[in-house]
């Protein structure tokens, strides 16, 4: 099992994709677990990287954020008929509203000193 976490910044209503290497000829495929109150799974596609028999490719998950905030998408690479999984990936999704920048780090005030370190 391998756990890899990445951060994705997105905006409400704007599509984003998670693309992972996959080889369904082995019986394995990625399965997504996510908060459907925050994200809408628009589609899942597989594209082969070559026409060779047994060649792998890429599995793409397309999501649209429904509301702002942070959420997690967990993907497990497994054979559907088995409970165990071979690999797991987590993606922390930070969703900003259509006009705000909730995902951005606060900018320091003029002079470049962060607010917590301002001299009085």
PDB file of N, CA and C in Angstrom:
ATOM      1  N   UNK A   1       0.844  -1.181   0.000  1.00  0.00           N
ATOM      2  CA  UNK A   1       0.000   0.000   0.000  1.00  0.00           C
ATOM      3  C   UNK A   1       0.886   1.240   0.000  1.00  0.00           C
ATOM      4  N   UNK A   2       0.511   2.212  -0.767  1.00  0.00           N
ATOM      5  CA  UNK A   2       1.247   3.470  -0.868  1.00  0.00           C
ATOM      6  C   UNK A   2       0.263   4.608  -0.671  1.00  0.00           C
ATOM      7  N   UNK A   3       0.595   5.540   0.206  1.00  0.00           N
ATOM      8  CA  UNK A   3      -0.281   6.686   0.431  1.00  0.00           C
ATOM      9  C   UNK A   3       0.445   7.937  -0.005  1.00  0.00           C
ATOM     10  N   UNK A   4      -0.176   8.668  -0.878  1.00  0.00           N
ATOM     11  CA  UNK A   4       0.414   9.884  -1.409  1.00  0.00           C
ATOM     12  C   UNK A   4      -0.656  10.958  -1.344  1.00  0.00           C
ATOM     13  N   UNK A   5      -0.372  12.083  -0.672  1.00  0.00           N
ATOM     14  CA  UNK A   5      -1.368  13.145  -0.573  1.00  0.00           C
ATOM     15  C   UNK A   5      -0.902  14.356  -1.359  1.00  0.00           C
ATOM     16  N   UNK A   6      -1.819  14.931  -2.101  1.00  0.00           N
ATOM     17  CA  UNK A   6      -1.536  16.137  -2.864  1.00  0.00           C
ATOM     18  C   UNK A   6      -2.637  17.140  -2.595  1.00  0.00           C
ATOM     19  N   UNK A   7      -2.332  18.407  -2.848  1.00  0.00           N
ATOM     20  CA  UNK A   7      -3.298  19.481  -2.643  1.00  0.00           C
ATOM     21  C   UNK A   7      -3.699  20.049  -4.002  1.00  0.00           C
ATOM     22  N   UNK A   8      -5.003  20.251  -4.168  1.00  0.00           N
ATOM     23  CA  UNK A   8      -5.540  20.829  -5.392  1.00  0.00           C
ATOM     24  C   UNK A   8      -6.378  22.036  -5.007  1.00  0.00           C
ATOM     25  N   UNK A   9      -6.150  23.149  -5.687  1.00  0.00           N
ATOM     26  CA  UNK A   9      -6.964  24.338  -5.465  1.00  0.00           C
ATOM     27  C   UNK A   9      -7.950  24.461  -6.614  1.00  0.00           C
ATOM     28  N   UNK A  10      -9.203  24.735  -6.277  1.00  0.00           N
ATOM     29  CA  UNK A  10     -10.262  24.811  -7.283  1.00  0.00           C
ATOM     30  C   UNK A  10     -11.237  25.919  -6.897  1.00  0.00           C
ATOM     31  N   UNK A  11     -12.153  26.205  -7.799  1.00  0.00           N
ATOM     32  CA  UNK A  11     -13.204  27.202  -7.559  1.00  0.00           C
ATOM     33  C   UNK A  11     -14.573  26.553  -7.752  1.00  0.00           C
ATOM     34  N   UNK A  12     -15.547  27.046  -7.015  1.00  0.00           N
ATOM     35  CA  UNK A  12     -16.912  26.547  -7.140  1.00  0.00           C
ATOM     36  C   UNK A  12     -17.346  26.640  -8.604  1.00  0.00           C
ATOM     37  N   UNK A  13     -17.871  25.545  -9.128  1.00  0.00           N
ATOM     38  CA  UNK A  13     -18.393  25.520 -10.492  1.00  0.00           C
ATOM     39  C   UNK A  13     -17.370  25.292 -11.587  1.00  0.00           C
ATOM     40  N   UNK A  14     -16.075  25.289 -11.261  1.00  0.00           N
ATOM     41  CA  UNK A  14     -15.034  25.092 -12.277  1.00  0.00           C
ATOM     42  C   UNK A  14     -14.468  23.676 -12.185  1.00  0.00           C
ATOM     43  N   UNK A  15     -14.495  22.975 -13.310  1.00  0.00           N
ATOM     44  CA  UNK A  15     -14.039  21.598 -13.388  1.00  0.00           C
ATOM     45  C   UNK A  15     -12.558  21.441 -13.058  1.00  0.00           C
ATOM     46  N   UNK A  16     -12.231  20.316 -12.413  1.00  0.00           N
ATOM     47  CA  UNK A  16     -10.828  19.919 -12.276  1.00  0.00           C
ATOM     48  C   UNK A  16     -10.746  18.411 -12.477  1.00  0.00           C
ATOM     49  N   UNK A  17      -9.541  17.939 -12.814  1.00  0.00           N
ATOM     50  CA  UNK A  17      -9.333  16.529 -13.139  1.00  0.00           C
ATOM     51  C   UNK A  17      -8.263  15.937 -12.231  1.00  0.00           C
ATOM     52  N   UNK A  18      -8.448  14.685 -11.886  1.00  0.00           N
ATOM     53  CA  UNK A  18      -7.412  13.892 -11.227  1.00  0.00           C
ATOM     54  C   UNK A  18      -7.104  12.756 -12.191  1.00  0.00           C
ATOM     55  N   UNK A  19      -5.835  12.653 -12.602  1.00  0.00           N
ATOM     56  CA  UNK A  19      -5.419  11.664 -13.598  1.00  0.00           C
ATOM     57  C   UNK A  19      -4.380  10.743 -12.961  1.00  0.00           C
ATOM     58  N   UNK A  20      -4.641   9.436 -13.014  1.00  0.00           N
ATOM     59  CA  UNK A  20      -3.752   8.453 -12.400  1.00  0.00           C
ATOM     60  C   UNK A  20      -3.432   7.333 -13.385  1.00  0.00           C
ATOM     61  N   UNK A  21      -2.214   6.803 -13.286  1.00  0.00           N
ATOM     62  CA  UNK A  21      -1.831   5.638 -14.091  1.00  0.00           C
ATOM     63  C   UNK A  21      -2.692   4.455 -13.676  1.00  0.00           C
ATOM     64  N   UNK A  22      -3.099   3.677 -14.665  1.00  0.00           N
ATOM     65  CA  UNK A  22      -3.986   2.554 -14.389  1.00  0.00           C
ATOM     66  C   UNK A  22      -3.787   1.476 -15.445  1.00  0.00           C
ATOM     67  N   UNK A  23      -4.106   0.237 -15.087  1.00  0.00           N
ATOM     68  CA  UNK A  23      -4.049  -0.858 -16.049  1.00  0.00           C
ATOM     69  C   UNK A  23      -5.176  -1.839 -15.740  1.00  0.00           C
ATOM     70  N   UNK A  24      -6.366  -1.610 -16.294  1.00  0.00           N
ATOM     71  CA  UNK A  24      -7.499  -2.472 -15.983  1.00  0.00           C
ATOM     72  C   UNK A  24      -7.356  -3.910 -16.477  1.00  0.00           C
ATOM     73  N   UNK A  25      -6.393  -4.185 -17.370  1.00  0.00           N
ATOM     74  CA  UNK A  25      -6.201  -5.566 -17.825  1.00  0.00           C
ATOM     75  C   UNK A  25      -5.715  -6.452 -16.683  1.00  0.00           C
ATOM     76  N   UNK A  26      -5.218  -5.864 -15.601  1.00  0.00           N
ATOM     77  CA  UNK A  26      -4.778  -6.613 -14.425  1.00  0.00           C
ATOM     78  C   UNK A  26      -5.927  -6.845 -13.448  1.00  0.00           C
ATOM     79  N   UNK A  27      -7.081  -6.242 -13.736  1.00  0.00           N
ATOM     80  CA  UNK A  27      -8.223  -6.343 -12.828  1.00  0.00           C
ATOM     81  C   UNK A  27      -8.306  -5.178 -11.864  1.00  0.00           C
ATOM     82  N   UNK A  28      -7.242  -4.380 -11.806  1.00  0.00           N
ATOM     83  CA  UNK A  28      -7.232  -3.232 -10.898  1.00  0.00           C
ATOM     84  C   UNK A  28      -7.836  -2.006 -11.567  1.00  0.00           C
ATOM     85  N   UNK A  29      -8.481  -1.193 -10.751  1.00  0.00           N
ATOM     86  CA  UNK A  29      -8.985   0.102 -11.211  1.00  0.00           C
ATOM     87  C   UNK A  29      -9.079   1.025  -9.998  1.00  0.00           C
ATOM     88  N   UNK A  30      -9.049   2.320 -10.262  1.00  0.00           N
ATOM     89  CA  UNK A  30      -9.159   3.307  -9.194  1.00  0.00           C
ATOM     90  C   UNK A  30     -10.631   3.500  -8.842  1.00  0.00           C
ATOM     91  N   UNK A  31     -10.926   3.553  -7.538  1.00  0.00           N
ATOM     92  CA  UNK A  31     -12.275   3.831  -7.052  1.00  0.00           C
ATOM     93  C   UNK A  31     -12.210   5.069  -6.174  1.00  0.00           C
ATOM     94  N   UNK A  32     -13.127   5.997  -6.406  1.00  0.00           N
ATOM     95  CA  UNK A  32     -13.118   7.283  -5.703  1.00  0.00           C
ATOM     96  C   UNK A  32     -14.084   7.283  -4.529  1.00  0.00           C
ATOM     97  N   UNK A  33     -13.630   7.910  -3.448  1.00  0.00           N
ATOM     98  CA  UNK A  33     -14.457   8.167  -2.274  1.00  0.00           C
ATOM     99  C   UNK A  33     -14.337   9.660  -1.995  1.00  0.00           C
ATOM    100  N   UNK A  34     -15.475  10.355  -1.877  1.00  0.00           N
ATOM    101  CA  UNK A  34     -15.455  11.813  -1.737  1.00  0.00           C
ATOM    102  C   UNK A  34     -16.779  12.282  -1.138  1.00  0.00           C
ATOM    103  N   UNK A  35     -16.814  13.527  -0.697  1.00  0.00           N
ATOM    104  CA  UNK A  35     -18.016  14.141  -0.132  1.00  0.00           C
ATOM    105  C   UNK A  35     -18.879  14.662  -1.280  1.00  0.00           C
ATOM    106  N   UNK A  36     -19.982  13.976  -1.561  1.00  0.00           N
ATOM    107  CA  UNK A  36     -20.821  14.388  -2.691  1.00  0.00           C
ATOM    108  C   UNK A  36     -21.652  15.633  -2.388  1.00  0.00           C
ATOM    109  N   UNK A  37     -21.553  16.157  -1.172  1.00  0.00           N
ATOM    110  CA  UNK A  37     -22.166  17.440  -0.858  1.00  0.00           C
ATOM    111  C   UNK A  37     -21.279  18.605  -1.280  1.00  0.00           C
ATOM    112  N   UNK A  38     -19.978  18.315  -1.459  1.00  0.00           N
ATOM    113  CA  UNK A  38     -19.028  19.358  -1.874  1.00  0.00           C
ATOM    114  C   UNK A  38     -18.563  19.200  -3.310  1.00  0.00           C
ATOM    115  N   UNK A  39     -18.538  17.955  -3.800  1.00  0.00           N
ATOM    116  CA  UNK A  39     -18.033  17.690  -5.148  1.00  0.00           C
ATOM    117  C   UNK A  39     -19.028  16.857  -5.936  1.00  0.00           C
ATOM    118  N   UNK A  40     -19.138  17.159  -7.218  1.00  0.00           N
ATOM    119  CA  UNK A  40     -19.950  16.361  -8.128  1.00  0.00           C
ATOM    120  C   UNK A  40     -19.002  15.653  -9.088  1.00  0.00           C
ATOM    121  N   UNK A  41     -19.048  14.320  -9.104  1.00  0.00           N
ATOM    122  CA  UNK A  41     -18.231  13.552 -10.042  1.00  0.00           C
ATOM    123  C   UNK A  41     -18.916  13.602 -11.403  1.00  0.00           C
ATOM    124  N   UNK A  42     -18.311  14.329 -12.335  1.00  0.00           N
ATOM    125  CA  UNK A  42     -18.884  14.524 -13.670  1.00  0.00           C
ATOM    126  C   UNK A  42     -18.610  13.351 -14.600  1.00  0.00           C
ATOM    127  N   UNK A  43     -17.512  12.650 -14.347  1.00  0.00           N
ATOM    128  CA  UNK A  43     -17.196  11.526 -15.211  1.00  0.00           C
ATOM    129  C   UNK A  43     -15.917  10.835 -14.808  1.00  0.00           C
ATOM    130  N   UNK A  44     -15.780   9.619 -15.321  1.00  0.00           N
ATOM    131  CA  UNK A  44     -14.589   8.808 -15.092  1.00  0.00           C
ATOM    132  C   UNK A  44     -14.281   8.123 -16.416  1.00  0.00           C
ATOM    133  N   UNK A  45     -13.055   8.288 -16.904  1.00  0.00           N
ATOM    134  CA  UNK A  45     -12.678   7.722 -18.200  1.00  0.00           C
ATOM    135  C   UNK A  45     -11.337   7.016 -18.102  1.00  0.00           C
ATOM    136  N   UNK A  46     -11.154   6.036 -18.966  1.00  0.00           N
ATOM    137  CA  UNK A  46      -9.867   5.360 -19.083  1.00  0.00           C
ATOM    138  C   UNK A  46      -9.370   5.536 -20.511  1.00  0.00           C
ATOM    139  N   UNK A  47      -8.089   5.862 -20.637  1.00  0.00           N
ATOM    140  CA  UNK A  47      -7.477   6.001 -21.959  1.00  0.00           C
ATOM    141  C   UNK A  47      -6.195   5.180 -21.994  1.00  0.00           C
ATOM    142  N   UNK A  48      -6.101   4.273 -22.974  1.00  0.00           N
ATOM    143  CA  UNK A  48      -4.891   3.458 -23.119  1.00  0.00           C
ATOM    144  C   UNK A  48      -3.747   4.315 -23.623  1.00  0.00           C
ATOM    145  N   UNK A  49      -2.541   3.994 -23.170  1.00  0.00           N
ATOM    146  CA  UNK A  49      -1.374   4.747 -23.629  1.00  0.00           C
ATOM    147  C   UNK A  49      -0.787   4.146 -24.907  1.00  0.00           C
ATOM    148  N   UNK A  50      -1.221   2.924 -25.258  1.00  0.00           N
ATOM    149  CA  UNK A  50      -0.754   2.291 -26.496  1.00  0.00           C
ATOM    150  C   UNK A  50      -1.773   1.233 -26.913  1.00  0.00           C
ATOM    151  N   UNK A  51      -1.657   0.755 -28.138  1.00  0.00           N
ATOM    152  CA  UNK A  51      -2.570  -0.278 -28.640  1.00  0.00           C
ATOM    153  C   UNK A  51      -2.085  -1.691 -28.329  1.00  0.00           C
ATOM    154  N   UNK A  52      -0.964  -1.810 -27.648  1.00  0.00           N
ATOM    155  CA  UNK A  52      -0.415  -3.125 -27.317  1.00  0.00           C
ATOM    156  C   UNK A  52      -1.299  -3.832 -26.301  1.00  0.00           C
ATOM    157  N   UNK A  53      -1.445  -5.124 -26.450  1.00  0.00           N
ATOM    158  CA  UNK A  53      -2.240  -5.921 -25.518  1.00  0.00           C
ATOM    159  C   UNK A  53      -1.603  -5.848 -24.133  1.00  0.00           C
ATOM    160  N   UNK A  54      -2.421  -5.571 -23.131  1.00  0.00           N
ATOM    161  CA  UNK A  54      -1.942  -5.498 -21.754  1.00  0.00           C
ATOM    162  C   UNK A  54      -1.315  -4.179 -21.364  1.00  0.00           C
ATOM    163  N   UNK A  55      -1.248  -3.246 -22.311  1.00  0.00           N
ATOM    164  CA  UNK A  55      -0.640  -1.940 -22.004  1.00  0.00           C
ATOM    165  C   UNK A  55      -1.529  -1.162 -21.044  1.00  0.00           C
ATOM    166  N   UNK A  56      -0.894  -0.412 -20.182  1.00  0.00           N
ATOM    167  CA  UNK A  56      -1.621   0.437 -19.245  1.00  0.00           C
ATOM    168  C   UNK A  56      -2.017   1.750 -19.880  1.00  0.00           C
ATOM    169  N   UNK A  57      -2.530   2.619 -19.062  1.00  0.00           N
ATOM    170  CA  UNK A  57      -2.947   3.931 -19.540  1.00  0.00           C
ATOM    171  C   UNK A  57      -3.244   4.839 -18.365  1.00  0.00           C
ATOM    172  N   UNK A  58      -4.269   5.664 -18.516  1.00  0.00           N
ATOM    173  CA  UNK A  58      -4.607   6.648 -17.493  1.00  0.00           C
ATOM    174  C   UNK A  58      -6.099   6.653 -17.223  1.00  0.00           C
ATOM    175  N   UNK A  59      -6.435   6.732 -15.942  1.00  0.00           N
ATOM    176  CA  UNK A  59      -7.820   6.857 -15.519  1.00  0.00           C
ATOM    177  C   UNK A  59      -8.016   8.293 -15.047  1.00  0.00           C
ATOM    178  N   UNK A  60      -9.020   8.966 -15.597  1.00  0.00           N
ATOM    179  CA  UNK A  60      -9.273  10.374 -15.293  1.00  0.00           C
ATOM    180  C   UNK A  60     -10.609  10.525 -14.588  1.00  0.00           C
ATOM    181  N   UNK A  61     -10.581  11.225 -13.451  1.00  0.00           N
ATOM    182  CA  UNK A  61     -11.793  11.578 -12.717  1.00  0.00           C
ATOM    183  C   UNK A  61     -12.009  13.072 -12.894  1.00  0.00           C
ATOM    184  N   UNK A  62     -13.212  13.466 -13.295  1.00  0.00           N
ATOM    185  CA  UNK A  62     -13.543  14.874 -13.489  1.00  0.00           C
ATOM    186  C   UNK A  62     -14.574  15.283 -12.444  1.00  0.00           C
ATOM    187  N   UNK A  63     -14.211  16.302 -11.653  1.00  0.00           N
ATOM    188  CA  UNK A  63     -15.079  16.796 -10.584  1.00  0.00           C
ATOM    189  C   UNK A  63     -15.440  18.255 -10.815  1.00  0.00           C
ATOM    190  N   UNK A  64     -16.595  18.663 -10.267  1.00  0.00           N
ATOM    191  CA  UNK A  64     -16.985  20.069 -10.211  1.00  0.00           C
ATOM    192  C   UNK A  64     -17.318  20.372  -8.751  1.00  0.00           C
ATOM    193  N   UNK A  65     -16.624  21.352  -8.138  1.00  0.00           N
ATOM    194  CA  UNK A  65     -16.933  21.737  -6.763  1.00  0.00           C
ATOM    195  C   UNK A  65     -18.310  22.394  -6.672  1.00  0.00           C
ATOM    196  N   UNK A  66     -19.063  22.033  -5.627  1.00  0.00           N
ATOM    197  CA  UNK A  66     -20.403  22.571  -5.421  1.00  0.00           C
ATOM    198  C   UNK A  66     -20.434  23.689  -4.389  1.00  0.00           C
ATOM    199  N   UNK A  67     -19.479  23.665  -3.443  1.00  0.00           N
ATOM    200  CA  UNK A  67     -19.438  24.698  -2.404  1.00  0.00           C
ATOM    201  C   UNK A  67     -18.000  24.919  -1.960  1.00  0.00           C
ATOM    202  N   UNK A  68     -17.751  26.058  -1.330  1.00  0.00           N
ATOM    203  CA  UNK A  68     -16.384  26.387  -0.910  1.00  0.00           C
ATOM    204  C   UNK A  68     -16.043  25.686   0.400  1.00  0.00           C
ATOM    205  N   UNK A  69     -14.749  25.522   0.630  1.00  0.00           N
ATOM    206  CA  UNK A  69     -14.244  24.861   1.828  1.00  0.00           C
ATOM    207  C   UNK A  69     -13.180  23.846   1.451  1.00  0.00           C
ATOM    208  N   UNK A  70     -12.822  22.987   2.413  1.00  0.00           N
ATOM    209  CA  UNK A  70     -11.833  21.939   2.148  1.00  0.00           C
ATOM    210  C   UNK A  70     -12.491  20.581   2.248  1.00  0.00           C
ATOM    211  N   UNK A  71     -12.056  19.687   1.390  1.00  0.00           N
ATOM    212  CA  UNK A  71     -12.567  18.324   1.399  1.00  0.00           C
ATOM    213  C   UNK A  71     -11.463  17.383   0.928  1.00  0.00           C
ATOM    214  N   UNK A  72     -11.732  16.109   0.993  1.00  0.00           N
ATOM    215  CA  UNK A  72     -10.736  15.104   0.647  1.00  0.00           C
ATOM    216  C   UNK A  72     -11.312  14.155  -0.401  1.00  0.00           C
ATOM    217  N   UNK A  73     -10.509  13.843  -1.411  1.00  0.00           N
ATOM    218  CA  UNK A  73     -10.851  12.789  -2.369  1.00  0.00           C
ATOM    219  C   UNK A  73      -9.854  11.665  -2.125  1.00  0.00           C
ATOM    220  N   UNK A  74     -10.364  10.489  -1.822  1.00  0.00           N
ATOM    221  CA  UNK A  74      -9.509   9.322  -1.600  1.00  0.00           C
ATOM    222  C   UNK A  74      -9.733   8.364  -2.767  1.00  0.00           C
ATOM    223  N   UNK A  75      -8.642   7.932  -3.373  1.00  0.00           N
ATOM    224  CA  UNK A  75      -8.716   6.988  -4.489  1.00  0.00           C
ATOM    225  C   UNK A  75      -7.949   5.730  -4.115  1.00  0.00           C
ATOM    226  N   UNK A  76      -8.596   4.594  -4.299  1.00  0.00           N
ATOM    227  CA  UNK A  76      -7.966   3.311  -3.996  1.00  0.00           C
ATOM    228  C   UNK A  76      -7.889   2.476  -5.269  1.00  0.00           C
ATOM    229  N   UNK A  77      -6.696   1.925  -5.486  1.00  0.00           N
ATOM    230  CA  UNK A  77      -6.442   1.077  -6.655  1.00  0.00           C
ATOM    231  C   UNK A  77      -6.665  -0.359  -6.205  1.00  0.00           C
ATOM    232  N   UNK A  78      -7.756  -0.962  -6.687  1.00  0.00           N
ATOM    233  CA  UNK A  78      -8.112  -2.279  -6.188  1.00  0.00           C
ATOM    234  C   UNK A  78      -8.868  -3.085  -7.231  1.00  0.00           C
ATOM    235  N   UNK A  79      -8.948  -4.365  -6.957  1.00  0.00           N
ATOM    236  CA  UNK A  79      -9.797  -5.254  -7.748  1.00  0.00           C
ATOM    237  C   UNK A  79     -11.174  -5.241  -7.084  1.00  0.00           C
ATOM    238  N   UNK A  80     -12.226  -4.944  -7.837  1.00  0.00           N
ATOM    239  CA  UNK A  80     -13.554  -4.764  -7.242  1.00  0.00           C
ATOM    240  C   UNK A  80     -14.064  -5.961  -6.435  1.00  0.00           C
ATOM    241  N   UNK A  81     -13.625  -7.157  -6.738  1.00  0.00           N
ATOM    242  CA  UNK A  81     -14.118  -8.335  -6.044  1.00  0.00           C
ATOM    243  C   UNK A  81     -13.328  -8.650  -4.767  1.00  0.00           C
ATOM    244  N   UNK A  82     -12.287  -7.866  -4.470  1.00  0.00           N
ATOM    245  CA  UNK A  82     -11.499  -8.068  -3.252  1.00  0.00           C
ATOM    246  C   UNK A  82     -11.643  -6.873  -2.313  1.00  0.00           C
ATOM    247  N   UNK A  83     -11.534  -7.112  -1.015  1.00  0.00           N
ATOM    248  CA  UNK A  83     -11.626  -6.019  -0.035  1.00  0.00           C
ATOM    249  C   UNK A  83     -10.338  -5.206   0.030  1.00  0.00           C
ATOM    250  N   UNK A  84      -9.199  -5.884  -0.124  1.00  0.00           N
ATOM    251  CA  UNK A  84      -7.906  -5.214  -0.009  1.00  0.00           C
ATOM    252  C   UNK A  84      -7.680  -4.290  -1.202  1.00  0.00           C
ATOM    253  N   UNK A  85      -6.824  -3.295  -0.979  1.00  0.00           N
ATOM    254  CA  UNK A  85      -6.447  -2.422  -2.084  1.00  0.00           C
ATOM    255  C   UNK A  85      -4.936  -2.416  -2.207  1.00  0.00           C
ATOM    256  N   UNK A  86      -4.457  -2.158  -3.398  1.00  0.00           N
ATOM    257  CA  UNK A  86      -3.029  -2.195  -3.707  1.00  0.00           C
ATOM    258  C   UNK A  86      -2.351  -0.860  -3.407  1.00  0.00           C
ATOM    259  N   UNK A  87      -3.068   0.226  -3.652  1.00  0.00           N
ATOM    260  CA  UNK A  87      -2.491   1.561  -3.491  1.00  0.00           C
ATOM    261  C   UNK A  87      -3.605   2.530  -3.129  1.00  0.00           C
ATOM    262  N   UNK A  88      -3.235   3.575  -2.395  1.00  0.00           N
ATOM    263  CA  UNK A  88      -4.202   4.607  -2.023  1.00  0.00           C
ATOM    264  C   UNK A  88      -3.576   5.979  -2.223  1.00  0.00           C
ATOM    265  N   UNK A  89      -4.359   6.896  -2.764  1.00  0.00           N
ATOM    266  CA  UNK A  89      -3.918   8.284  -2.936  1.00  0.00           C
ATOM    267  C   UNK A  89      -4.984   9.193  -2.351  1.00  0.00           C
ATOM    268  N   UNK A  90      -4.544  10.257  -1.706  1.00  0.00           N
ATOM    269  CA  UNK A  90      -5.471  11.246  -1.169  1.00  0.00           C
ATOM    270  C   UNK A  90      -5.161  12.600  -1.773  1.00  0.00           C
ATOM    271  N   UNK A  91      -6.212  13.320  -2.111  1.00  0.00           N
ATOM    272  CA  UNK A  91      -6.095  14.661  -2.666  1.00  0.00           C
ATOM    273  C   UNK A  91      -6.912  15.598  -1.790  1.00  0.00           C
ATOM    274  N   UNK A  92      -6.238  16.557  -1.167  1.00  0.00           N
ATOM    275  CA  UNK A  92      -6.919  17.572  -0.361  1.00  0.00           C
ATOM    276  C   UNK A  92      -7.347  18.673  -1.317  1.00  0.00           C
ATOM    277  N   UNK A  93      -8.650  18.908  -1.379  1.00  0.00           N
ATOM    278  CA  UNK A  93      -9.213  19.876  -2.314  1.00  0.00           C
ATOM    279  C   UNK A  93      -9.617  21.119  -1.535  1.00  0.00           C
ATOM    280  N   UNK A  94      -9.033  22.252  -1.896  1.00  0.00           N
ATOM    281  CA  UNK A  94      -9.377  23.535  -1.286  1.00  0.00           C
ATOM    282  C   UNK A  94     -10.195  24.295  -2.326  1.00  0.00           C
ATOM    283  N   UNK A  95     -11.468  24.520  -2.005  1.00  0.00           N
ATOM    284  CA  UNK A  95     -12.387  25.138  -2.961  1.00  0.00           C
ATOM    285  C   UNK A  95     -12.709  26.560  -2.527  1.00  0.00           C
ATOM    286  N   UNK A  96     -12.383  27.509  -3.395  1.00  0.00           N
ATOM    287  CA  UNK A  96     -12.722  28.915  -3.165  1.00  0.00           C
ATOM    288  C   UNK A  96     -14.065  29.195  -3.827  1.00  0.00           C
ATOM    289  N   UNK A  97     -14.757  30.194  -3.309  1.00  0.00           N
ATOM    290  CA  UNK A  97     -16.013  30.617  -3.923  1.00  0.00           C
ATOM    291  C   UNK A  97     -15.743  31.231  -5.282  1.00  0.00           C
ATOM    292  N   UNK A  98     -16.799  31.558  -6.031  1.00  0.00           N
ATOM    293  CA  UNK A  98     -16.605  32.093  -7.377  1.00  0.00           C
ATOM    294  C   UNK A  98     -15.828  33.402  -7.417  1.00  0.00           C
ATOM    295  N   UNK A  99     -15.866  34.194  -6.331  1.00  0.00           N
ATOM    296  CA  UNK A  99     -15.158  35.481  -6.370  1.00  0.00           C
ATOM    297  C   UNK A  99     -14.137  35.659  -5.258  1.00  0.00           C
ATOM    298  N   UNK A 100     -14.129  34.778  -4.247  1.00  0.00           N
ATOM    299  CA  UNK A 100     -13.146  34.967  -3.175  1.00  0.00           C
ATOM    300  C   UNK A 100     -11.919  34.099  -3.395  1.00  0.00           C
ATOM    301  N   UNK A 101     -10.904  34.345  -2.617  1.00  0.00           N
ATOM    302  CA  UNK A 101      -9.651  33.603  -2.715  1.00  0.00           C
ATOM    303  C   UNK A 101      -9.387  32.856  -1.417  1.00  0.00           C
ATOM    304  N   UNK A 102     -10.346  32.084  -0.948  1.00  0.00           N
ATOM    305  CA  UNK A 102     -10.238  31.396   0.331  1.00  0.00           C
ATOM    306  C   UNK A 102      -9.059  30.437   0.394  1.00  0.00           C
ATOM    307  N   UNK A 103      -8.564  29.973  -0.741  1.00  0.00           N
ATOM    308  CA  UNK A 103      -7.457  29.016  -0.757  1.00  0.00           C
ATOM    309  C   UNK A 103      -6.098  29.689  -0.684  1.00  0.00           C
ATOM    310  N   UNK A 104      -6.057  30.967  -0.977  1.00  0.00           N
ATOM    311  CA  UNK A 104      -4.779  31.667  -1.005  1.00  0.00           C
ATOM    312  C   UNK A 104      -4.291  31.972   0.403  1.00  0.00           C
ATOM    313  N   UNK A 105      -2.980  31.953   0.562  1.00  0.00           N
ATOM    314  CA  UNK A 105      -2.379  32.372   1.817  1.00  0.00           C
ATOM    315  C   UNK A 105      -2.578  33.873   1.963  1.00  0.00           C
ATOM    316  N   UNK A 106      -2.812  34.367   3.186  1.00  0.00           N
ATOM    317  CA  UNK A 106      -2.961  35.813   3.340  1.00  0.00           C
ATOM    318  C   UNK A 106      -1.671  36.532   2.979  1.00  0.00           C
ATOM    319  N   UNK A 107      -1.817  37.645   2.304  1.00  0.00           N
ATOM    320  CA  UNK A 107      -0.641  38.415   1.911  1.00  0.00           C
ATOM    321  C   UNK A 107      -0.178  39.270   3.079  1.00  0.00           C
ATOM    322  N   UNK A 108       1.153  39.422   3.231  1.00  0.00           N
ATOM    323  CA  UNK A 108       1.653  40.275   4.301  1.00  0.00           C
ATOM    324  C   UNK A 108       1.289  41.728   4.023  1.00  0.00           C
ATOM    325  N   UNK A 109       1.168  42.542   5.082  1.00  0.00           N
ATOM    326  CA  UNK A 109       0.847  43.951   4.884  1.00  0.00           C
ATOM    327  C   UNK A 109       1.993  44.671   4.190  1.00  0.00           C
ATOM    328  N   UNK A 110       1.756  45.901   3.810  1.00  0.00           N
ATOM    329  CA  UNK A 110       2.797  46.709   3.160  1.00  0.00           C
ATOM    330  C   UNK A 110       4.057  46.637   4.011  1.00  0.00           C
ATOM    331  N   UNK A 111       5.180  46.496   3.395  1.00  0.00           N
ATOM    332  CA  UNK A 111       6.438  46.379   4.123  1.00  0.00           C
ATOM    333  C   UNK A 111       6.894  44.938   4.224  1.00  0.00           C
ATOM    334  N   UNK A 112       6.014  43.985   3.900  1.00  0.00           N
ATOM    335  CA  UNK A 112       6.401  42.585   3.835  1.00  0.00           C
ATOM    336  C   UNK A 112       6.474  41.853   5.154  1.00  0.00           C
ATOM    337  N   UNK A 113       6.045  42.423   6.265  1.00  0.00           N
ATOM    338  CA  UNK A 113       6.103  41.742   7.556  1.00  0.00           C
ATOM    339  C   UNK A 113       4.761  41.059   7.800  1.00  0.00           C
ATOM    340  N   UNK A 114       4.759  39.736   8.018  1.00  0.00           N
ATOM    341  CA  UNK A 114       3.499  39.054   8.289  1.00  0.00           C
ATOM    342  C   UNK A 114       2.819  39.647   9.524  1.00  0.00           C
ATOM    343  N   UNK A 115       1.462  39.656   9.582  1.00  0.00           N
ATOM    344  CA  UNK A 115       0.740  40.275  10.688  1.00  0.00           C
ATOM    345  C   UNK A 115       1.163  39.770  12.059  1.00  0.00           C
ATOM    346  N   UNK A 116       1.485  38.489  12.200  1.00  0.00           N
ATOM    347  CA  UNK A 116       1.848  37.953  13.506  1.00  0.00           C
ATOM    348  C   UNK A 116       3.216  38.434  13.971  1.00  0.00           C
ATOM    349  N   UNK A 117       3.961  39.059  13.098  1.00  0.00           N
ATOM    350  CA  UNK A 117       5.303  39.507  13.466  1.00  0.00           C
ATOM    351  C   UNK A 117       5.473  41.009  13.325  1.00  0.00           C
ATOM    352  N   UNK A 118       4.386  41.727  13.235  1.00  0.00           N
ATOM    353  CA  UNK A 118       4.490  43.179  13.115  1.00  0.00           C
ATOM    354  C   UNK A 118       5.105  43.758  14.380  1.00  0.00           C
ATOM    355  N   UNK A 119       5.928  44.740  14.195  1.00  0.00           N
ATOM    356  CA  UNK A 119       6.529  45.431  15.335  1.00  0.00           C
ATOM    357  C   UNK A 119       5.619  46.572  15.738  1.00  0.00           C
ATOM    358  N   UNK A 120       5.385  46.716  17.017  1.00  0.00           N
ATOM    359  CA  UNK A 120       4.510  47.788  17.502  1.00  0.00           C
ATOM    360  C   UNK A 120       5.316  48.975  17.940  1.00  0.00           C
TER     361      UNK A 120
END
